[in-house]
Amino acid sequence: MIEREWLKIDHEMKVREFSFRSHMHIAPYGNNDTGYFRFYEGNGKPVVVIPPRGGYYRYNFARMTASYLASNGFDVYEVVTPFHEKRLPDGVTSVVHMEIDADVLKLTARQSVEEVLGLIRYIGKDVGVVGLSQGAVYGSIVSSLDEQVKSTVLIHGFGDLASFLRHSDERLAKHFRECVGSINEGLLREELRNIDPLTYATPEKAATTLMINSKKDNQVPEQNIVALWNALGNPRIERYWGGHKLIALRSKGILKKVTAHLKSTLD
């Protein structure tokens, strides 16, 4: 409630949740077969928000982003990506409590990207995409693949997944290393090539892309931020002081920049 007052979010906003049957199945996880998105009615241009990796979090920056954008005149579609919220297995609160390997990562990324592309086809209009952390990985790929995406915001975005999984202190990366043991970075890079934003990067969209990253990110190594920035043709990038999770304290300023970028590039 305090966050909504602070950000001047409309308390009367209409939010509806929709479900659909995913055309992909990742065995043996039946809960993941049903996808979800929330629609925030703002009576304006459509924007798709793709959340970070997560399970059930008290602080939900994706939902805050969606609410803020809808309060500022956008129709917002907040995606529930695979193995997130209700799509987790029964009794599991986060993907970091599951057994994962490169195959699971590839299938999850493919399912995420294809579901967002399907949602954009369903919307049937030019859209903006806002991706958050892991959602920025998916968002970068979606933006590169779909001409309907006219504006892109990547918050905590990064590229070169093999390097990230080998060197990052982020929980999923550490859990991946625990599950698979030793990593040959070169072989892993080739194995993950089809789900890496660097593979699909479109410098032609640099003028309509905004990256937002912290200057001292303890979870996303600088080399991975720079790799994506270079691959995307050096789009505008905003850097804020603080670590990965301090985005919570910077949210008001960050969301103002996101809103301004979307308004200037979707019009």
C-alpha atoms as a PDB file:
ATOM      1  CA  MET A   1       0.000   0.000   0.000  1.00  0.00           C
ATOM      2  CA  ILE A   2       2.842   2.416   0.864  1.00  0.00           C
ATOM      3  CA  GLU A   3       4.517   1.623  -2.471  1.00  0.00           C
ATOM      4  CA  ARG A   4       1.285   2.332  -4.356  1.00  0.00           C
ATOM      5  CA  GLU A   5       0.907   5.706  -2.627  1.00  0.00           C
ATOM      6  CA  TRP A   6       4.573   6.560  -3.192  1.00  0.00           C
ATOM      7  CA  LEU A   7       4.365   5.767  -6.899  1.00  0.00           C
ATOM      8  CA  LYS A   8       0.871   7.287  -7.309  1.00  0.00           C
ATOM      9  CA  ILE A   9      -0.612   4.031  -8.613  1.00  0.00           C
ATOM     10  CA  ASP A  10      -4.351   4.042  -9.342  1.00  0.00           C
ATOM     11  CA  HIS A  11      -6.142   2.091  -6.587  1.00  0.00           C
ATOM     12  CA  GLU A  12      -9.209   1.554  -8.806  1.00  0.00           C
ATOM     13  CA  MET A  13      -7.266  -0.041 -11.640  1.00  0.00           C
ATOM     14  CA  LYS A  14      -8.925  -3.042 -13.287  1.00  0.00           C
ATOM     15  CA  VAL A  15      -6.674  -6.128 -13.304  1.00  0.00           C
ATOM     16  CA  ARG A  16      -7.805  -9.415 -14.817  1.00  0.00           C
ATOM     17  CA  GLU A  17      -5.934 -12.716 -14.972  1.00  0.00           C
ATOM     18  CA  PHE A  18      -6.157 -15.016 -17.986  1.00  0.00           C
ATOM     19  CA  SER A  19      -4.911 -18.574 -18.385  1.00  0.00           C
ATOM     20  CA  PHE A  20      -4.021 -20.605 -21.462  1.00  0.00           C
ATOM     21  CA  ARG A  21      -2.681 -24.033 -22.296  1.00  0.00           C
ATOM     22  CA  SER A  22       0.996 -23.886 -23.217  1.00  0.00           C
ATOM     23  CA  HIS A  23       1.813 -25.832 -26.359  1.00  0.00           C
ATOM     24  CA  MET A  24       5.069 -27.016 -24.734  1.00  0.00           C
ATOM     25  CA  HIS A  25       5.413 -29.586 -21.959  1.00  0.00           C
ATOM     26  CA  ILE A  26       8.549 -29.917 -19.841  1.00  0.00           C
ATOM     27  CA  ALA A  27       8.330 -33.326 -18.164  1.00  0.00           C
ATOM     28  CA  PRO A  28       7.495 -34.067 -15.395  1.00  0.00           C
ATOM     29  CA  TYR A  29       6.204 -30.607 -14.429  1.00  0.00           C
ATOM     30  CA  GLY A  30       2.450 -30.576 -15.079  1.00  0.00           C
ATOM     31  CA  ASN A  31       1.755 -27.275 -13.288  1.00  0.00           C
ATOM     32  CA  ASN A  32       3.944 -25.552 -15.859  1.00  0.00           C
ATOM     33  CA  ASP A  33       1.624 -26.585 -18.703  1.00  0.00           C
ATOM     34  CA  THR A  34      -0.812 -23.773 -17.865  1.00  0.00           C
ATOM     35  CA  GLY A  35       0.359 -20.257 -18.659  1.00  0.00           C
ATOM     36  CA  TYR A  36      -0.988 -17.002 -17.248  1.00  0.00           C
ATOM     37  CA  PHE A  37      -0.939 -13.296 -17.906  1.00  0.00           C
ATOM     38  CA  ARG A  38      -2.511 -10.364 -16.087  1.00  0.00           C
ATOM     39  CA  PHE A  39      -4.102  -7.502 -17.966  1.00  0.00           C
ATOM     40  CA  TYR A  40      -3.945  -4.032 -16.406  1.00  0.00           C
ATOM     41  CA  GLU A  41      -6.394  -1.738 -18.162  1.00  0.00           C
ATOM     42  CA  GLY A  42      -4.853   1.667 -18.765  1.00  0.00           C
ATOM     43  CA  ASN A  43      -6.594   2.654 -22.019  1.00  0.00           C
ATOM     44  CA  GLY A  44      -3.469   3.208 -24.049  1.00  0.00           C
ATOM     45  CA  LYS A  45      -0.699   1.600 -26.093  1.00  0.00           C
ATOM     46  CA  PRO A  46       0.012  -2.051 -25.156  1.00  0.00           C
ATOM     47  CA  VAL A  47       3.107  -2.998 -23.169  1.00  0.00           C
ATOM     48  CA  VAL A  48       4.215  -6.520 -22.201  1.00  0.00           C
ATOM     49  CA  VAL A  49       6.065  -6.893 -18.875  1.00  0.00           C
ATOM     50  CA  ILE A  50       8.269  -9.987 -18.475  1.00  0.00           C
ATOM     51  CA  PRO A  51       9.243 -10.716 -14.842  1.00  0.00           C
ATOM     52  CA  PRO A  52      12.572 -11.731 -13.316  1.00  0.00           C
ATOM     53  CA  ARG A  53      13.307 -15.242 -12.138  1.00  0.00           C
ATOM     54  CA  GLY A  54      11.356 -15.923  -9.019  1.00  0.00           C
ATOM     55  CA  GLY A  55       8.878 -17.942  -7.081  1.00  0.00           C
ATOM     56  CA  TYR A  56       6.657 -16.243  -4.543  1.00  0.00           C
ATOM     57  CA  TYR A  57       8.150 -12.903  -3.511  1.00  0.00           C
ATOM     58  CA  ARG A  58       6.757 -10.363  -1.115  1.00  0.00           C
ATOM     59  CA  TYR A  59       8.340  -7.629  -3.214  1.00  0.00           C
ATOM     60  CA  ASN A  60       7.137  -8.008  -6.798  1.00  0.00           C
ATOM     61  CA  PHE A  61       8.810  -5.473  -9.048  1.00  0.00           C
ATOM     62  CA  ALA A  62       7.126  -6.837 -12.178  1.00  0.00           C
ATOM     63  CA  ARG A  63       3.682  -6.245 -10.713  1.00  0.00           C
ATOM     64  CA  MET A  64       4.703  -2.797  -9.510  1.00  0.00           C
ATOM     65  CA  THR A  65       6.024  -1.974 -12.984  1.00  0.00           C
ATOM     66  CA  ALA A  66       2.795  -3.141 -14.616  1.00  0.00           C
ATOM     67  CA  SER A  67       0.641  -1.156 -12.175  1.00  0.00           C
ATOM     68  CA  TYR A  68       2.726   1.988 -12.603  1.00  0.00           C
ATOM     69  CA  LEU A  69       2.643   1.838 -16.401  1.00  0.00           C
ATOM     70  CA  ALA A  70      -1.121   1.246 -16.440  1.00  0.00           C
ATOM     71  CA  SER A  71      -1.558   4.232 -14.109  1.00  0.00           C
ATOM     72  CA  ASN A  72       0.358   6.250 -16.697  1.00  0.00           C
ATOM     73  CA  GLY A  73      -1.870   5.356 -19.623  1.00  0.00           C
ATOM     74  CA  PHE A  74      -0.659   2.014 -21.002  1.00  0.00           C
ATOM     75  CA  ASP A  75      -2.558  -1.246 -21.416  1.00  0.00           C
ATOM     76  CA  VAL A  76      -0.208  -3.685 -19.685  1.00  0.00           C
ATOM     77  CA  TYR A  77       0.120  -7.442 -20.023  1.00  0.00           C
ATOM     78  CA  GLU A  78       2.174  -8.943 -17.178  1.00  0.00           C
ATOM     79  CA  VAL A  79       3.389 -12.399 -18.149  1.00  0.00           C
ATOM     80  CA  VAL A  80       3.771 -15.277 -15.687  1.00  0.00           C
ATOM     81  CA  THR A  81       6.751 -17.091 -17.186  1.00  0.00           C
ATOM     82  CA  PRO A  82       7.456 -20.838 -16.868  1.00  0.00           C
ATOM     83  CA  PHE A  83       8.355 -22.071 -13.374  1.00  0.00           C
ATOM     84  CA  HIS A  84       7.116 -18.832 -11.827  1.00  0.00           C
ATOM     85  CA  GLU A  85       4.311 -18.424  -9.264  1.00  0.00           C
ATOM     86  CA  LYS A  86       1.542 -20.991  -9.901  1.00  0.00           C
ATOM     87  CA  ARG A  87       3.606 -22.684 -12.591  1.00  0.00           C
ATOM     88  CA  LEU A  88       6.046 -24.144 -10.060  1.00  0.00           C
ATOM     89  CA  PRO A  89       5.718 -27.797  -8.992  1.00  0.00           C
ATOM     90  CA  ASP A  90       3.589 -28.431  -5.901  1.00  0.00           C
ATOM     91  CA  GLY A  91       5.517 -27.683  -2.720  1.00  0.00           C
ATOM     92  CA  VAL A  92       8.337 -25.865  -4.554  1.00  0.00           C
ATOM     93  CA  THR A  93       8.779 -22.132  -3.945  1.00  0.00           C
ATOM     94  CA  SER A  94      11.563 -21.396  -6.435  1.00  0.00           C
ATOM     95  CA  VAL A  95      13.268 -22.907  -9.454  1.00  0.00           C
ATOM     96  CA  VAL A  96      16.489 -23.000  -7.419  1.00  0.00           C
ATOM     97  CA  HIS A  97      14.951 -25.882  -5.476  1.00  0.00           C
ATOM     98  CA  MET A  98      14.562 -27.959  -8.654  1.00  0.00           C
ATOM     99  CA  GLU A  99      17.094 -30.118 -10.462  1.00  0.00           C
ATOM    100  CA  ILE A 100      18.203 -28.169 -13.525  1.00  0.00           C
ATOM    101  CA  ASP A 101      20.649 -28.661 -16.368  1.00  0.00           C
ATOM    102  CA  ALA A 102      21.298 -27.102 -19.764  1.00  0.00           C
ATOM    103  CA  ASP A 103      18.347 -28.943 -21.316  1.00  0.00           C
ATOM    104  CA  VAL A 104      15.907 -27.569 -18.719  1.00  0.00           C
ATOM    105  CA  LEU A 105      17.284 -24.045 -19.256  1.00  0.00           C
ATOM    106  CA  LYS A 106      16.896 -24.342 -23.025  1.00  0.00           C
ATOM    107  CA  LEU A 107      13.352 -25.676 -22.858  1.00  0.00           C
ATOM    108  CA  THR A 108      12.311 -23.057 -20.294  1.00  0.00           C
ATOM    109  CA  ALA A 109      13.735 -20.192 -22.350  1.00  0.00           C
ATOM    110  CA  ARG A 110      12.155 -21.499 -25.540  1.00  0.00           C
ATOM    111  CA  GLN A 111       8.782 -21.885 -23.824  1.00  0.00           C
ATOM    112  CA  SER A 112       9.027 -18.379 -22.341  1.00  0.00           C
ATOM    113  CA  VAL A 113       9.916 -16.708 -25.631  1.00  0.00           C
ATOM    114  CA  GLU A 114       7.290 -18.577 -27.653  1.00  0.00           C
ATOM    115  CA  GLU A 115       4.551 -17.772 -25.132  1.00  0.00           C
ATOM    116  CA  VAL A 116       5.408 -14.057 -25.208  1.00  0.00           C
ATOM    117  CA  LEU A 117       5.493 -14.092 -29.012  1.00  0.00           C
ATOM    118  CA  GLY A 118       2.076 -15.769 -28.947  1.00  0.00           C
ATOM    119  CA  LEU A 119       0.740 -13.100 -26.596  1.00  0.00           C
ATOM    120  CA  ILE A 120       1.987 -10.361 -28.917  1.00  0.00           C
ATOM    121  CA  ARG A 121       0.212 -12.033 -31.838  1.00  0.00           C
ATOM    122  CA  TYR A 122      -2.926 -12.153 -29.682  1.00  0.00           C
ATOM    123  CA  ILE A 123      -2.631  -8.417 -28.919  1.00  0.00           C
ATOM    124  CA  GLY A 124      -2.366  -7.772 -32.644  1.00  0.00           C
ATOM    125  CA  LYS A 125      -0.834  -4.283 -32.380  1.00  0.00           C
ATOM    126  CA  ASP A 126       2.577  -2.671 -32.105  1.00  0.00           C
ATOM    127  CA  VAL A 127       3.784  -3.145 -28.531  1.00  0.00           C
ATOM    128  CA  GLY A 128       6.437  -2.169 -26.047  1.00  0.00           C
ATOM    129  CA  VAL A 129       8.325  -4.822 -24.079  1.00  0.00           C
ATOM    130  CA  VAL A 130       9.766  -4.342 -20.587  1.00  0.00           C
ATOM    131  CA  GLY A 131      11.958  -7.206 -19.373  1.00  0.00           C
ATOM    132  CA  LEU A 132      13.322  -7.502 -15.847  1.00  0.00           C
ATOM    133  CA  SER A 133      16.550  -9.459 -15.206  1.00  0.00           C
ATOM    134  CA  GLN A 134      15.848 -12.968 -16.543  1.00  0.00           C
ATOM    135  CA  GLY A 135      12.825 -11.381 -18.206  1.00  0.00           C
ATOM    136  CA  ALA A 136      15.220  -8.979 -19.930  1.00  0.00           C
ATOM    137  CA  VAL A 137      17.012 -11.975 -21.454  1.00  0.00           C
ATOM    138  CA  TYR A 138      13.714 -13.200 -22.876  1.00  0.00           C
ATOM    139  CA  GLY A 139      12.621  -9.661 -23.750  1.00  0.00           C
ATOM    140  CA  SER A 140      15.759  -8.996 -25.766  1.00  0.00           C
ATOM    141  CA  ILE A 141      15.176 -12.132 -27.839  1.00  0.00           C
ATOM    142  CA  VAL A 142      11.478 -11.331 -28.344  1.00  0.00           C
ATOM    143  CA  SER A 143      12.273  -7.777 -29.422  1.00  0.00           C
ATOM    144  CA  SER A 144      14.783  -9.045 -31.970  1.00  0.00           C
ATOM    145  CA  LEU A 145      12.398 -11.644 -33.405  1.00  0.00           C
ATOM    146  CA  ASP A 146       9.130  -9.693 -33.628  1.00  0.00           C
ATOM    147  CA  GLU A 147       8.621  -6.600 -35.753  1.00  0.00           C
ATOM    148  CA  GLN A 148       5.543  -5.690 -33.699  1.00  0.00           C
ATOM    149  CA  VAL A 149       7.900  -4.734 -30.844  1.00  0.00           C
ATOM    150  CA  LYS A 150       8.525  -1.027 -31.390  1.00  0.00           C
ATOM    151  CA  SER A 151       9.965  -0.135 -27.977  1.00  0.00           C
ATOM    152  CA  THR A 152      12.160  -2.188 -25.634  1.00  0.00           C
ATOM    153  CA  VAL A 153      13.307  -1.679 -22.043  1.00  0.00           C
ATOM    154  CA  LEU A 154      15.780  -4.150 -20.546  1.00  0.00           C
ATOM    155  CA  ILE A 155      16.265  -3.751 -16.785  1.00  0.00           C
ATOM    156  CA  HIS A 156      19.263  -5.732 -15.494  1.00  0.00           C
ATOM    157  CA  GLY A 157      19.653  -7.229 -18.969  1.00  0.00           C
ATOM    158  CA  PHE A 158      22.720  -9.236 -19.957  1.00  0.00           C
ATOM    159  CA  GLY A 159      24.109 -11.566 -22.604  1.00  0.00           C
ATOM    160  CA  ASP A 160      26.557 -14.464 -22.992  1.00  0.00           C
ATOM    161  CA  LEU A 161      24.666 -16.951 -20.837  1.00  0.00           C
ATOM    162  CA  ALA A 162      27.557 -19.404 -20.585  1.00  0.00           C
ATOM    163  CA  SER A 163      29.802 -16.761 -19.042  1.00  0.00           C
ATOM    164  CA  PHE A 164      26.987 -15.665 -16.725  1.00  0.00           C
ATOM    165  CA  LEU A 165      26.312 -19.203 -15.497  1.00  0.00           C
ATOM    166  CA  ARG A 166      30.032 -19.806 -15.006  1.00  0.00           C
ATOM    167  CA  HIS A 167      30.883 -16.614 -13.100  1.00  0.00           C
ATOM    168  CA  SER A 168      27.749 -15.002 -11.602  1.00  0.00           C
ATOM    169  CA  ASP A 169      26.883 -15.071  -7.896  1.00  0.00           C
ATOM    170  CA  GLU A 170      23.156 -15.063  -8.749  1.00  0.00           C
ATOM    171  CA  ARG A 171      21.297 -17.937  -7.065  1.00  0.00           C
ATOM    172  CA  LEU A 172      20.209 -19.671 -10.266  1.00  0.00           C
ATOM    173  CA  ALA A 173      23.737 -19.563 -11.673  1.00  0.00           C
ATOM    174  CA  LYS A 174      25.192 -20.992  -8.464  1.00  0.00           C
ATOM    175  CA  HIS A 175      22.477 -23.654  -8.337  1.00  0.00           C
ATOM    176  CA  PHE A 176      23.199 -24.574 -11.964  1.00  0.00           C
ATOM    177  CA  ARG A 177      26.872 -25.096 -11.117  1.00  0.00           C
ATOM    178  CA  GLU A 178      25.899 -27.262  -8.153  1.00  0.00           C
ATOM    179  CA  CYS A 179      23.626 -29.389 -10.341  1.00  0.00           C
ATOM    180  CA  VAL A 180      25.960 -29.937 -13.309  1.00  0.00           C
ATOM    181  CA  GLY A 181      29.391 -29.843 -11.649  1.00  0.00           C
ATOM    182  CA  SER A 182      32.340 -28.599 -13.694  1.00  0.00           C
ATOM    183  CA  ILE A 183      31.576 -26.336 -16.653  1.00  0.00           C
ATOM    184  CA  ASN A 184      33.412 -26.124 -19.959  1.00  0.00           C
ATOM    185  CA  GLU A 185      32.441 -22.564 -20.836  1.00  0.00           C
ATOM    186  CA  GLY A 186      33.101 -22.934 -24.557  1.00  0.00           C
ATOM    187  CA  LEU A 187      30.986 -26.068 -24.910  1.00  0.00           C
ATOM    188  CA  LEU A 188      28.226 -24.564 -22.758  1.00  0.00           C
ATOM    189  CA  ARG A 189      28.231 -21.409 -24.892  1.00  0.00           C
ATOM    190  CA  GLU A 190      27.616 -23.469 -28.007  1.00  0.00           C
ATOM    191  CA  GLU A 191      24.923 -25.512 -26.267  1.00  0.00           C
ATOM    192  CA  LEU A 192      23.063 -22.370 -25.131  1.00  0.00           C
ATOM    193  CA  ARG A 193      23.581 -20.408 -28.347  1.00  0.00           C
ATOM    194  CA  ASN A 194      19.927 -20.701 -29.400  1.00  0.00           C
ATOM    195  CA  ILE A 195      18.670 -19.075 -26.176  1.00  0.00           C
ATOM    196  CA  ASP A 196      21.336 -16.363 -25.861  1.00  0.00           C
ATOM    197  CA  PRO A 197      20.276 -12.754 -26.584  1.00  0.00           C
ATOM    198  CA  LEU A 198      23.611 -12.188 -28.350  1.00  0.00           C
ATOM    199  CA  THR A 199      22.589 -14.656 -31.069  1.00  0.00           C
ATOM    200  CA  TYR A 200      19.509 -12.643 -32.020  1.00  0.00           C
ATOM    201  CA  ALA A 201      20.607  -9.082 -31.234  1.00  0.00           C
ATOM    202  CA  THR A 202      19.371  -6.462 -33.714  1.00  0.00           C
ATOM    203  CA  PRO A 203      21.470  -3.271 -33.657  1.00  0.00           C
ATOM    204  CA  GLU A 204      18.858  -1.761 -35.985  1.00  0.00           C
ATOM    205  CA  LYS A 205      16.584  -1.345 -32.948  1.00  0.00           C
ATOM    206  CA  ALA A 206      19.176   0.501 -30.854  1.00  0.00           C
ATOM    207  CA  ALA A 207      17.294   3.813 -31.112  1.00  0.00           C
ATOM    208  CA  THR A 208      14.162   2.304 -29.557  1.00  0.00           C
ATOM    209  CA  THR A 209      15.953   0.275 -26.861  1.00  0.00           C
ATOM    210  CA  LEU A 210      16.753   1.376 -23.308  1.00  0.00           C
ATOM    211  CA  MET A 211      18.985  -0.618 -20.968  1.00  0.00           C
ATOM    212  CA  ILE A 212      18.965   0.046 -17.215  1.00  0.00           C
ATOM    213  CA  ASN A 213      21.675  -1.570 -15.081  1.00  0.00           C
ATOM    214  CA  SER A 214      23.322  -0.966 -11.734  1.00  0.00           C
ATOM    215  CA  LYS A 215      26.952   0.153 -11.574  1.00  0.00           C
ATOM    216  CA  LYS A 216      27.931  -2.410  -8.954  1.00  0.00           C
ATOM    217  CA  ASP A 217      25.810  -5.459  -9.687  1.00  0.00           C
ATOM    218  CA  ASN A 218      26.725  -8.405  -7.485  1.00  0.00           C
ATOM    219  CA  GLN A 219      24.630 -10.762  -9.621  1.00  0.00           C
ATOM    220  CA  VAL A 220      25.145  -9.676 -13.234  1.00  0.00           C
ATOM    221  CA  PRO A 221      28.871  -9.378 -14.087  1.00  0.00           C
ATOM    222  CA  GLU A 222      29.899  -6.223 -15.929  1.00  0.00           C
ATOM    223  CA  GLN A 223      31.222  -8.221 -18.873  1.00  0.00           C
ATOM    224  CA  ASN A 224      27.750  -9.662 -19.475  1.00  0.00           C
ATOM    225  CA  ILE A 225      26.120  -6.222 -19.404  1.00  0.00           C
ATOM    226  CA  VAL A 226      28.679  -4.862 -21.870  1.00  0.00           C
ATOM    227  CA  ALA A 227      28.315  -7.915 -24.124  1.00  0.00           C
ATOM    228  CA  LEU A 228      24.590  -7.273 -24.585  1.00  0.00           C
ATOM    229  CA  TRP A 229      25.042  -3.508 -24.922  1.00  0.00           C
ATOM    230  CA  ASN A 230      27.597  -3.987 -27.716  1.00  0.00           C
ATOM    231  CA  ALA A 231      25.517  -6.633 -29.495  1.00  0.00           C
ATOM    232  CA  LEU A 232      22.453  -4.363 -29.469  1.00  0.00           C
ATOM    233  CA  GLY A 233      24.364  -1.564 -31.171  1.00  0.00           C
ATOM    234  CA  ASN A 234      25.158   0.503 -28.055  1.00  0.00           C
ATOM    235  CA  PRO A 235      21.634   1.679 -27.192  1.00  0.00           C
ATOM    236  CA  ARG A 236      21.043   4.268 -24.506  1.00  0.00           C
ATOM    237  CA  ILE A 237      21.985   2.792 -21.139  1.00  0.00           C
ATOM    238  CA  GLU A 238      21.181   4.232 -17.720  1.00  0.00           C
ATOM    239  CA  ARG A 239      23.355   3.135 -14.780  1.00  0.00           C
ATOM    240  CA  TYR A 240      22.366   3.599 -11.138  1.00  0.00           C
ATOM    241  CA  TRP A 241      24.480   3.283  -8.008  1.00  0.00           C
ATOM    242  CA  GLY A 242      23.976   0.205  -5.877  1.00  0.00           C
ATOM    243  CA  GLY A 243      23.664  -3.546  -6.215  1.00  0.00           C
ATOM    244  CA  HIS A 244      21.134  -5.719  -8.009  1.00  0.00           C
ATOM    245  CA  LYS A 245      18.466  -5.705  -5.305  1.00  0.00           C
ATOM    246  CA  LEU A 246      18.741  -1.990  -4.563  1.00  0.00           C
ATOM    247  CA  ILE A 247      16.452  -1.457  -7.527  1.00  0.00           C
ATOM    248  CA  ALA A 248      13.705  -1.474  -4.875  1.00  0.00           C
ATOM    249  CA  LEU A 249      15.030   1.835  -3.545  1.00  0.00           C
ATOM    250  CA  ARG A 250      15.473   3.288  -7.048  1.00  0.00           C
ATOM    251  CA  SER A 251      12.109   2.158  -8.386  1.00  0.00           C
ATOM    252  CA  LYS A 252      10.456   5.576  -8.658  1.00  0.00           C
ATOM    253  CA  GLY A 253      13.217   7.124 -10.742  1.00  0.00           C
ATOM    254  CA  ILE A 254      13.637   3.991 -12.837  1.00  0.00           C
ATOM    255  CA  LEU A 255       9.929   3.699 -13.612  1.00  0.00           C
ATOM    256  CA  LYS A 256       9.805   7.351 -14.665  1.00  0.00           C
ATOM    257  CA  LYS A 257      12.599   6.660 -17.181  1.00  0.00           C
ATOM    258  CA  VAL A 258      10.813   3.530 -18.421  1.00  0.00           C
ATOM    259  CA  THR A 259       7.565   5.449 -18.908  1.00  0.00           C
ATOM    260  CA  ALA A 260       9.263   8.315 -20.734  1.00  0.00           C
ATOM    261  CA  HIS A 261      11.068   5.925 -23.076  1.00  0.00           C
ATOM    262  CA  LEU A 262       7.909   3.989 -23.926  1.00  0.00           C
ATOM    263  CA  LYS A 263       5.921   7.160 -24.565  1.00  0.00           C
ATOM    264  CA  SER A 264       8.588   8.605 -26.854  1.00  0.00           C
ATOM    265  CA  THR A 265       9.108   5.441 -28.897  1.00  0.00           C
ATOM    266  CA  LEU A 266       5.586   3.992 -29.092  1.00  0.00           C
ATOM    267  CA  ASP A 267       3.943   7.208 -30.313  1.00  0.00           C
END
